[in-house]
Amino acid sequence: MIKELVTDVEKLSERAQEWNVKEEINGKVVEILQALGDTLEDLNTKDGRLFLTANQIGYTERAFAIKFEDDIKYFFNPIIKGRKGLVFSREKDFLTGTDYIVPRSTEIILNYQDSLGRVKGNKFEGAAAIVASGAIDSLEGLLISDWGLEITPEFDVASEEEQKEVLAYYIQSLNAYRDALDKDLSEGENKEEYKAIKFMEGVANGTVELEKEKEPKMNRAQRRGLDKTIKRIANSLKHSKKRRK
């Protein structure tokens, strides 16, 4: 049962909800499992996609599937309970085809239910941790375009040293955004900003823990401003490189 992908950004920005897996073993669990598996298998063949979440194919339930070589594994009501390490990962936004760089943990502990409703926990390391983190982001309604650093042509032609400089500015920009939210919070702003603050702190130190009712949500107007800042940095590096030649 191959499902059509959701392309509505507003829908994809909604958080997938926890649900009672044990009560749905012979109903919704089978339906979602089959839909995730068939659709992911098809997409993996077409574009190399490694994970698919239920909300990406029209469901509101919290579930996702990951393709591990020749096997697909399923995770229901997943939640990250621990993170370690930090690495910059280059990932594609399949909605637009744009590449982004995002900071990811190199190790995560994931708690979840299997298709029979049994509670389990697994450690994911390296590439598996990056893929699982991306799936969790999608379930949280956090799009890669919300917080990732968009790859510009200038970035790709820059030297390794210049790329590191851009990434350093990127992290500084995230921290500046966090500080601005912190100031707004102290002046009585709403709880959504508190969630974003906690997320930004986790980005910097790799200790983000996404829990129910604590999902990160980033203001898109702020995100666009951050993108413009980083692009100006990349452009300035490009021009400075030309001047040195």
C-alpha atoms as a PDB file:
ATOM      1  CA  MET A   1       0.000   0.000   0.000  1.00  0.00           C
ATOM      2  CA  ILE A   2       2.047   2.930  -1.297  1.00  0.00           C
ATOM      3  CA  LYS A   3       0.781   6.236   0.086  1.00  0.00           C
ATOM      4  CA  GLU A   4       1.033   9.717  -1.377  1.00  0.00           C
ATOM      5  CA  LEU A   5       3.470  12.035   0.394  1.00  0.00           C
ATOM      6  CA  VAL A   6       2.162  15.073   2.248  1.00  0.00           C
ATOM      7  CA  THR A   7       3.602  18.302   0.808  1.00  0.00           C
ATOM      8  CA  ASP A   8       1.619  20.833   2.872  1.00  0.00           C
ATOM      9  CA  VAL A   9       4.240  22.562   5.066  1.00  0.00           C
ATOM     10  CA  GLU A  10       1.664  23.556   7.671  1.00  0.00           C
ATOM     11  CA  LYS A  11       0.539  19.941   8.029  1.00  0.00           C
ATOM     12  CA  LEU A  12       4.113  18.700   8.264  1.00  0.00           C
ATOM     13  CA  SER A  13       4.782  21.311  10.964  1.00  0.00           C
ATOM     14  CA  GLU A  14       2.193  19.723  13.267  1.00  0.00           C
ATOM     15  CA  ARG A  15       3.494  17.402  15.959  1.00  0.00           C
ATOM     16  CA  ALA A  16       2.568  13.717  15.568  1.00  0.00           C
ATOM     17  CA  GLN A  17       0.657  12.447  18.580  1.00  0.00           C
ATOM     18  CA  GLU A  18       1.218   9.558  20.978  1.00  0.00           C
ATOM     19  CA  TRP A  19      -1.364   6.770  20.683  1.00  0.00           C
ATOM     20  CA  ASN A  20      -2.379   3.499  22.302  1.00  0.00           C
ATOM     21  CA  VAL A  21      -0.535   0.909  20.224  1.00  0.00           C
ATOM     22  CA  LYS A  22      -1.785  -2.078  22.242  1.00  0.00           C
ATOM     23  CA  GLU A  23      -5.400  -1.210  21.527  1.00  0.00           C
ATOM     24  CA  GLU A  24      -4.704  -0.846  17.787  1.00  0.00           C
ATOM     25  CA  ILE A  25      -2.577  -3.963  17.150  1.00  0.00           C
ATOM     26  CA  ASN A  26      -5.091  -5.509  14.756  1.00  0.00           C
ATOM     27  CA  GLY A  27      -6.163  -2.224  13.212  1.00  0.00           C
ATOM     28  CA  LYS A  28      -4.201   0.998  12.873  1.00  0.00           C
ATOM     29  CA  VAL A  29      -0.850  -0.651  13.688  1.00  0.00           C
ATOM     30  CA  VAL A  30      -1.116  -3.040  10.742  1.00  0.00           C
ATOM     31  CA  GLU A  31      -2.319  -0.263   8.437  1.00  0.00           C
ATOM     32  CA  ILE A  32       0.467   2.167   9.354  1.00  0.00           C
ATOM     33  CA  LEU A  33       3.131  -0.548   9.332  1.00  0.00           C
ATOM     34  CA  GLN A  34       2.166  -1.649   5.837  1.00  0.00           C
ATOM     35  CA  ALA A  35       1.854   1.920   4.547  1.00  0.00           C
ATOM     36  CA  LEU A  36       5.229   2.956   5.979  1.00  0.00           C
ATOM     37  CA  GLY A  37       7.003  -0.156   4.724  1.00  0.00           C
ATOM     38  CA  ASP A  38       5.631  -0.148   1.185  1.00  0.00           C
ATOM     39  CA  THR A  39       6.044   3.594   0.711  1.00  0.00           C
ATOM     40  CA  LEU A  40       9.572   3.704   2.166  1.00  0.00           C
ATOM     41  CA  GLU A  41      10.660   0.780  -0.001  1.00  0.00           C
ATOM     42  CA  ASP A  42       9.374   2.612  -3.072  1.00  0.00           C
ATOM     43  CA  LEU A  43      10.995   5.924  -2.094  1.00  0.00           C
ATOM     44  CA  ASN A  44      14.305   4.291  -1.208  1.00  0.00           C
ATOM     45  CA  THR A  45      14.484   2.896  -4.724  1.00  0.00           C
ATOM     46  CA  LYS A  46      13.613   6.271  -6.259  1.00  0.00           C
ATOM     47  CA  ASP A  47      15.619   8.747  -4.176  1.00  0.00           C
ATOM     48  CA  GLY A  48      17.578   6.778  -1.585  1.00  0.00           C
ATOM     49  CA  ARG A  49      15.415   7.885   1.339  1.00  0.00           C
ATOM     50  CA  LEU A  50      16.255   6.031   4.566  1.00  0.00           C
ATOM     51  CA  PHE A  51      13.350   6.910   6.849  1.00  0.00           C
ATOM     52  CA  LEU A  52       9.676   7.762   6.631  1.00  0.00           C
ATOM     53  CA  THR A  53       7.334   9.051   9.328  1.00  0.00           C
ATOM     54  CA  ALA A  54       3.602   8.465   9.605  1.00  0.00           C
ATOM     55  CA  ASN A  55       2.806  12.178   9.412  1.00  0.00           C
ATOM     56  CA  GLN A  56       4.661  12.368   6.083  1.00  0.00           C
ATOM     57  CA  ILE A  57       2.035  10.076   4.553  1.00  0.00           C
ATOM     58  CA  GLY A  58      -1.094  11.550   6.124  1.00  0.00           C
ATOM     59  CA  TYR A  59      -1.371   9.961   9.581  1.00  0.00           C
ATOM     60  CA  THR A  60      -1.404  11.840  12.898  1.00  0.00           C
ATOM     61  CA  GLU A  61       0.000   8.917  14.909  1.00  0.00           C
ATOM     62  CA  ARG A  62       3.587   8.968  16.202  1.00  0.00           C
ATOM     63  CA  ALA A  63       5.443   6.289  14.240  1.00  0.00           C
ATOM     64  CA  PHE A  64       8.295   5.933  11.774  1.00  0.00           C
ATOM     65  CA  ALA A  65      10.236   3.363   9.787  1.00  0.00           C
ATOM     66  CA  ILE A  66      13.959   3.152   8.988  1.00  0.00           C
ATOM     67  CA  LYS A  67      15.521   1.104   6.206  1.00  0.00           C
ATOM     68  CA  PHE A  68      18.585  -0.803   7.375  1.00  0.00           C
ATOM     69  CA  GLU A  69      20.193  -2.380   4.292  1.00  0.00           C
ATOM     70  CA  ASP A  70      17.682  -5.094   3.294  1.00  0.00           C
ATOM     71  CA  ASP A  71      15.476  -4.720   6.368  1.00  0.00           C
ATOM     72  CA  ILE A  72      12.924  -2.128   7.514  1.00  0.00           C
ATOM     73  CA  LYS A  73      12.371  -1.565  11.227  1.00  0.00           C
ATOM     74  CA  TYR A  74       9.370   0.152  12.784  1.00  0.00           C
ATOM     75  CA  PHE A  75       9.130   2.411  15.828  1.00  0.00           C
ATOM     76  CA  PHE A  76       5.921   3.483  17.546  1.00  0.00           C
ATOM     77  CA  ASN A  77       5.674   6.360  20.049  1.00  0.00           C
ATOM     78  CA  PRO A  78       9.461   6.931  19.869  1.00  0.00           C
ATOM     79  CA  ILE A  79      11.231   9.412  22.119  1.00  0.00           C
ATOM     80  CA  ILE A  80      14.920  10.279  22.443  1.00  0.00           C
ATOM     81  CA  LYS A  81      16.071   9.760  26.038  1.00  0.00           C
ATOM     82  CA  GLY A  82      19.742  10.600  25.624  1.00  0.00           C
ATOM     83  CA  ARG A  83      22.250  12.111  23.207  1.00  0.00           C
ATOM     84  CA  LYS A  84      26.039  12.254  22.910  1.00  0.00           C
ATOM     85  CA  GLY A  85      28.485  13.822  20.510  1.00  0.00           C
ATOM     86  CA  LEU A  86      28.024  16.434  17.826  1.00  0.00           C
ATOM     87  CA  VAL A  87      28.699  16.299  14.091  1.00  0.00           C
ATOM     88  CA  PHE A  88      27.647  18.397  11.103  1.00  0.00           C
ATOM     89  CA  SER A  89      25.496  16.315   8.762  1.00  0.00           C
ATOM     90  CA  ARG A  90      24.681  17.242   5.161  1.00  0.00           C
ATOM     91  CA  GLU A  91      21.066  16.270   4.445  1.00  0.00           C
ATOM     92  CA  LYS A  92      18.545  16.791   1.664  1.00  0.00           C
ATOM     93  CA  ASP A  93      15.148  18.413   2.100  1.00  0.00           C
ATOM     94  CA  PHE A  94      13.069  16.069  -0.055  1.00  0.00           C
ATOM     95  CA  LEU A  95      10.302  18.688  -0.313  1.00  0.00           C
ATOM     96  CA  THR A  96      12.497  21.119  -2.237  1.00  0.00           C
ATOM     97  CA  GLY A  97      15.598  19.129  -3.183  1.00  0.00           C
ATOM     98  CA  THR A  98      17.743  21.636  -1.266  1.00  0.00           C
ATOM     99  CA  ASP A  99      20.747  20.450   0.750  1.00  0.00           C
ATOM    100  CA  TYR A 100      21.239  21.639   4.326  1.00  0.00           C
ATOM    101  CA  ILE A 101      23.842  21.206   7.017  1.00  0.00           C
ATOM    102  CA  VAL A 102      22.488  20.407  10.479  1.00  0.00           C
ATOM    103  CA  PRO A 103      24.214  19.561  13.764  1.00  0.00           C
ATOM    104  CA  ARG A 104      23.419  15.998  14.810  1.00  0.00           C
ATOM    105  CA  SER A 105      24.312  13.761  17.724  1.00  0.00           C
ATOM    106  CA  THR A 106      26.638  10.849  17.014  1.00  0.00           C
ATOM    107  CA  GLU A 107      24.862   8.641  19.547  1.00  0.00           C
ATOM    108  CA  ILE A 108      21.251   8.572  20.749  1.00  0.00           C
ATOM    109  CA  ILE A 109      19.192   6.372  23.058  1.00  0.00           C
ATOM    110  CA  LEU A 110      15.715   5.772  21.675  1.00  0.00           C
ATOM    111  CA  ASN A 111      12.778   4.454  23.687  1.00  0.00           C
ATOM    112  CA  TYR A 112       9.773   3.203  21.723  1.00  0.00           C
ATOM    113  CA  GLN A 113       7.075   0.548  21.355  1.00  0.00           C
ATOM    114  CA  ASP A 114       7.224  -2.263  18.831  1.00  0.00           C
ATOM    115  CA  SER A 115       4.257  -3.438  16.740  1.00  0.00           C
ATOM    116  CA  LEU A 116       2.992  -5.502  19.687  1.00  0.00           C
ATOM    117  CA  GLY A 117       3.079  -2.535  22.044  1.00  0.00           C
ATOM    118  CA  ARG A 118       6.122  -3.751  23.987  1.00  0.00           C
ATOM    119  CA  VAL A 119       8.378  -0.999  25.336  1.00  0.00           C
ATOM    120  CA  LYS A 120      11.962  -1.201  24.093  1.00  0.00           C
ATOM    121  CA  GLY A 121      15.136   0.845  24.048  1.00  0.00           C
ATOM    122  CA  ASN A 122      17.979   0.927  21.534  1.00  0.00           C
ATOM    123  CA  LYS A 123      21.246   2.755  21.113  1.00  0.00           C
ATOM    124  CA  PHE A 124      21.893   4.237  17.672  1.00  0.00           C
ATOM    125  CA  GLU A 125      25.388   5.293  16.673  1.00  0.00           C
ATOM    126  CA  GLY A 126      26.948   7.055  13.684  1.00  0.00           C
ATOM    127  CA  ALA A 127      24.803   7.142  10.542  1.00  0.00           C
ATOM    128  CA  ALA A 128      21.949   5.320  12.296  1.00  0.00           C
ATOM    129  CA  ALA A 129      21.816   8.029  14.982  1.00  0.00           C
ATOM    130  CA  ILE A 130      21.663  10.745  12.311  1.00  0.00           C
ATOM    131  CA  VAL A 131      18.830   9.010  10.452  1.00  0.00           C
ATOM    132  CA  ALA A 132      16.817   8.349  13.623  1.00  0.00           C
ATOM    133  CA  SER A 133      17.291  11.972  14.743  1.00  0.00           C
ATOM    134  CA  GLY A 134      15.922  13.179  11.424  1.00  0.00           C
ATOM    135  CA  ALA A 135      12.865  10.960  11.846  1.00  0.00           C
ATOM    136  CA  ILE A 136      12.236  12.299  15.351  1.00  0.00           C
ATOM    137  CA  ASP A 137      12.512  15.880  14.044  1.00  0.00           C
ATOM    138  CA  SER A 138       9.838  15.098  11.451  1.00  0.00           C
ATOM    139  CA  LEU A 139       7.515  13.680  14.106  1.00  0.00           C
ATOM    140  CA  GLU A 140       8.045  16.817  16.170  1.00  0.00           C
ATOM    141  CA  GLY A 141       6.929  18.940  13.214  1.00  0.00           C
ATOM    142  CA  LEU A 142      10.433  20.373  12.878  1.00  0.00           C
ATOM    143  CA  LEU A 143      11.368  20.792   9.216  1.00  0.00           C
ATOM    144  CA  ILE A 144      14.994  20.778   8.152  1.00  0.00           C
ATOM    145  CA  SER A 145      14.392  24.173   6.525  1.00  0.00           C
ATOM    146  CA  ASP A 146      13.354  25.540   9.935  1.00  0.00           C
ATOM    147  CA  TRP A 147      16.837  25.376  11.390  1.00  0.00           C
ATOM    148  CA  GLY A 148      19.325  23.850   8.967  1.00  0.00           C
ATOM    149  CA  LEU A 149      22.022  25.850   7.191  1.00  0.00           C
ATOM    150  CA  GLU A 150      21.111  25.947   3.502  1.00  0.00           C
ATOM    151  CA  ILE A 151      24.021  24.985   1.260  1.00  0.00           C
ATOM    152  CA  THR A 152      24.828  27.767  -1.199  1.00  0.00           C
ATOM    153  CA  PRO A 153      27.036  27.452  -4.301  1.00  0.00           C
ATOM    154  CA  GLU A 154      29.531  29.703  -2.461  1.00  0.00           C
ATOM    155  CA  PHE A 155      29.794  27.216   0.364  1.00  0.00           C
ATOM    156  CA  ASP A 156      30.544  24.293  -1.932  1.00  0.00           C
ATOM    157  CA  VAL A 157      33.424  26.097  -3.667  1.00  0.00           C
ATOM    158  CA  ALA A 158      34.887  27.511  -0.449  1.00  0.00           C
ATOM    159  CA  SER A 159      38.020  26.053   1.118  1.00  0.00           C
ATOM    160  CA  GLU A 160      37.774  23.750   4.121  1.00  0.00           C
ATOM    161  CA  GLU A 161      38.933  26.602   6.346  1.00  0.00           C
ATOM    162  CA  GLU A 162      36.275  28.927   4.957  1.00  0.00           C
ATOM    163  CA  GLN A 163      33.583  26.294   5.377  1.00  0.00           C
ATOM    164  CA  LYS A 164      34.562  25.863   9.009  1.00  0.00           C
ATOM    165  CA  GLU A 165      34.279  29.615   9.433  1.00  0.00           C
ATOM    166  CA  VAL A 166      30.745  29.604   8.009  1.00  0.00           C
ATOM    167  CA  LEU A 167      29.768  26.722  10.316  1.00  0.00           C
ATOM    168  CA  ALA A 168      31.176  28.615  13.281  1.00  0.00           C
ATOM    169  CA  TYR A 169      29.054  31.624  12.331  1.00  0.00           C
ATOM    170  CA  TYR A 170      26.074  29.304  11.976  1.00  0.00           C
ATOM    171  CA  ILE A 171      26.404  28.018  15.526  1.00  0.00           C
ATOM    172  CA  GLN A 172      26.953  31.579  16.759  1.00  0.00           C
ATOM    173  CA  SER A 173      23.762  32.617  14.965  1.00  0.00           C
ATOM    174  CA  LEU A 174      21.847  29.782  16.632  1.00  0.00           C
ATOM    175  CA  ASN A 175      23.198  30.868  19.990  1.00  0.00           C
ATOM    176  CA  ALA A 176      22.281  34.491  19.270  1.00  0.00           C
ATOM    177  CA  TYR A 177      18.764  33.387  18.387  1.00  0.00           C
ATOM    178  CA  ARG A 178      18.595  31.467  21.658  1.00  0.00           C
ATOM    179  CA  ASP A 179      19.767  34.515  23.598  1.00  0.00           C
ATOM    180  CA  ALA A 180      17.146  36.698  21.913  1.00  0.00           C
ATOM    181  CA  LEU A 181      14.445  34.228  22.874  1.00  0.00           C
ATOM    182  CA  ASP A 182      15.803  34.109  26.399  1.00  0.00           C
ATOM    183  CA  LYS A 183      15.440  37.882  26.646  1.00  0.00           C
ATOM    184  CA  ASP A 184      11.901  37.745  25.272  1.00  0.00           C
ATOM    185  CA  LEU A 185      11.019  35.030  27.766  1.00  0.00           C
ATOM    186  CA  SER A 186      12.269  37.163  30.635  1.00  0.00           C
ATOM    187  CA  GLU A 187       9.892  39.860  29.443  1.00  0.00           C
ATOM    188  CA  GLY A 188       6.918  37.504  29.507  1.00  0.00           C
ATOM    189  CA  GLU A 189       6.767  35.932  26.047  1.00  0.00           C
ATOM    190  CA  ASN A 190       4.901  32.642  25.416  1.00  0.00           C
ATOM    191  CA  LYS A 191       5.879  29.040  26.088  1.00  0.00           C
ATOM    192  CA  GLU A 192       6.676  28.237  22.457  1.00  0.00           C
ATOM    193  CA  GLU A 193       9.776  30.373  22.757  1.00  0.00           C
ATOM    194  CA  TYR A 194      10.805  28.480  25.866  1.00  0.00           C
ATOM    195  CA  LYS A 195      10.701  25.277  23.832  1.00  0.00           C
ATOM    196  CA  ALA A 196      12.885  26.836  21.140  1.00  0.00           C
ATOM    197  CA  ILE A 197      15.372  28.042  23.751  1.00  0.00           C
ATOM    198  CA  LYS A 198      15.737  24.542  25.166  1.00  0.00           C
ATOM    199  CA  PHE A 199      16.205  23.172  21.672  1.00  0.00           C
ATOM    200  CA  MET A 200      18.947  25.668  20.837  1.00  0.00           C
ATOM    201  CA  GLU A 201      20.769  24.814  24.042  1.00  0.00           C
ATOM    202  CA  GLY A 202      20.648  21.160  23.043  1.00  0.00           C
ATOM    203  CA  VAL A 203      21.985  21.921  19.554  1.00  0.00           C
ATOM    204  CA  ALA A 204      25.073  23.478  21.101  1.00  0.00           C
ATOM    205  CA  ASN A 205      25.854  20.697  23.556  1.00  0.00           C
ATOM    206  CA  GLY A 206      24.216  17.588  22.076  1.00  0.00           C
ATOM    207  CA  THR A 207      21.975  16.964  25.068  1.00  0.00           C
ATOM    208  CA  VAL A 208      18.567  17.750  23.577  1.00  0.00           C
ATOM    209  CA  GLU A 209      15.859  15.497  24.936  1.00  0.00           C
ATOM    210  CA  LEU A 210      12.532  15.738  23.121  1.00  0.00           C
ATOM    211  CA  GLU A 211       9.636  14.928  25.421  1.00  0.00           C
ATOM    212  CA  LYS A 212       5.882  15.195  25.149  1.00  0.00           C
ATOM    213  CA  GLU A 213       4.751  18.825  25.236  1.00  0.00           C
ATOM    214  CA  LYS A 214       8.351  20.028  25.000  1.00  0.00           C
ATOM    215  CA  GLU A 215       8.819  19.884  21.254  1.00  0.00           C
ATOM    216  CA  PRO A 216      10.887  22.641  19.612  1.00  0.00           C
ATOM    217  CA  LYS A 217       9.158  25.121  17.320  1.00  0.00           C
ATOM    218  CA  MET A 218      11.134  27.806  15.520  1.00  0.00           C
ATOM    219  CA  ASN A 219       9.690  31.065  14.238  1.00  0.00           C
ATOM    220  CA  ARG A 220      10.000  30.967  10.421  1.00  0.00           C
ATOM    221  CA  ALA A 221      10.533  34.715  10.163  1.00  0.00           C
ATOM    222  CA  GLN A 222      13.502  34.328  12.525  1.00  0.00           C
ATOM    223  CA  ARG A 223      14.687  31.356  10.453  1.00  0.00           C
ATOM    224  CA  ARG A 224      14.615  33.411   7.258  1.00  0.00           C
ATOM    225  CA  GLY A 225      16.634  36.128   8.948  1.00  0.00           C
ATOM    226  CA  LEU A 226      19.211  33.571  10.020  1.00  0.00           C
ATOM    227  CA  ASP A 227      19.419  32.214   6.470  1.00  0.00           C
ATOM    228  CA  LYS A 228      20.101  35.711   5.121  1.00  0.00           C
ATOM    229  CA  THR A 229      22.854  36.230   7.669  1.00  0.00           C
ATOM    230  CA  ILE A 230      24.601  32.977   6.785  1.00  0.00           C
ATOM    231  CA  LYS A 231      24.278  33.654   3.039  1.00  0.00           C
ATOM    232  CA  ARG A 232      25.877  37.070   3.492  1.00  0.00           C
ATOM    233  CA  ILE A 233      28.749  35.369   5.300  1.00  0.00           C
ATOM    234  CA  ALA A 234      29.177  32.855   2.479  1.00  0.00           C
ATOM    235  CA  ASN A 235      29.110  35.628  -0.115  1.00  0.00           C
ATOM    236  CA  SER A 236      31.691  37.653   1.751  1.00  0.00           C
ATOM    237  CA  LEU A 237      33.963  34.595   1.890  1.00  0.00           C
ATOM    238  CA  LYS A 238      33.543  34.151  -1.835  1.00  0.00           C
ATOM    239  CA  HIS A 239      34.519  37.751  -2.571  1.00  0.00           C
ATOM    240  CA  SER A 240      37.455  37.682  -0.172  1.00  0.00           C
ATOM    241  CA  LYS A 241      38.703  34.530  -1.871  1.00  0.00           C
ATOM    242  CA  LYS A 242      38.590  36.248  -5.252  1.00  0.00           C
ATOM    243  CA  ARG A 243      40.531  39.208  -3.916  1.00  0.00           C
ATOM    244  CA  ARG A 244      43.301  36.932  -2.658  1.00  0.00           C
ATOM    245  CA  LYS A 245      43.814  35.406  -6.115  1.00  0.00           C
END
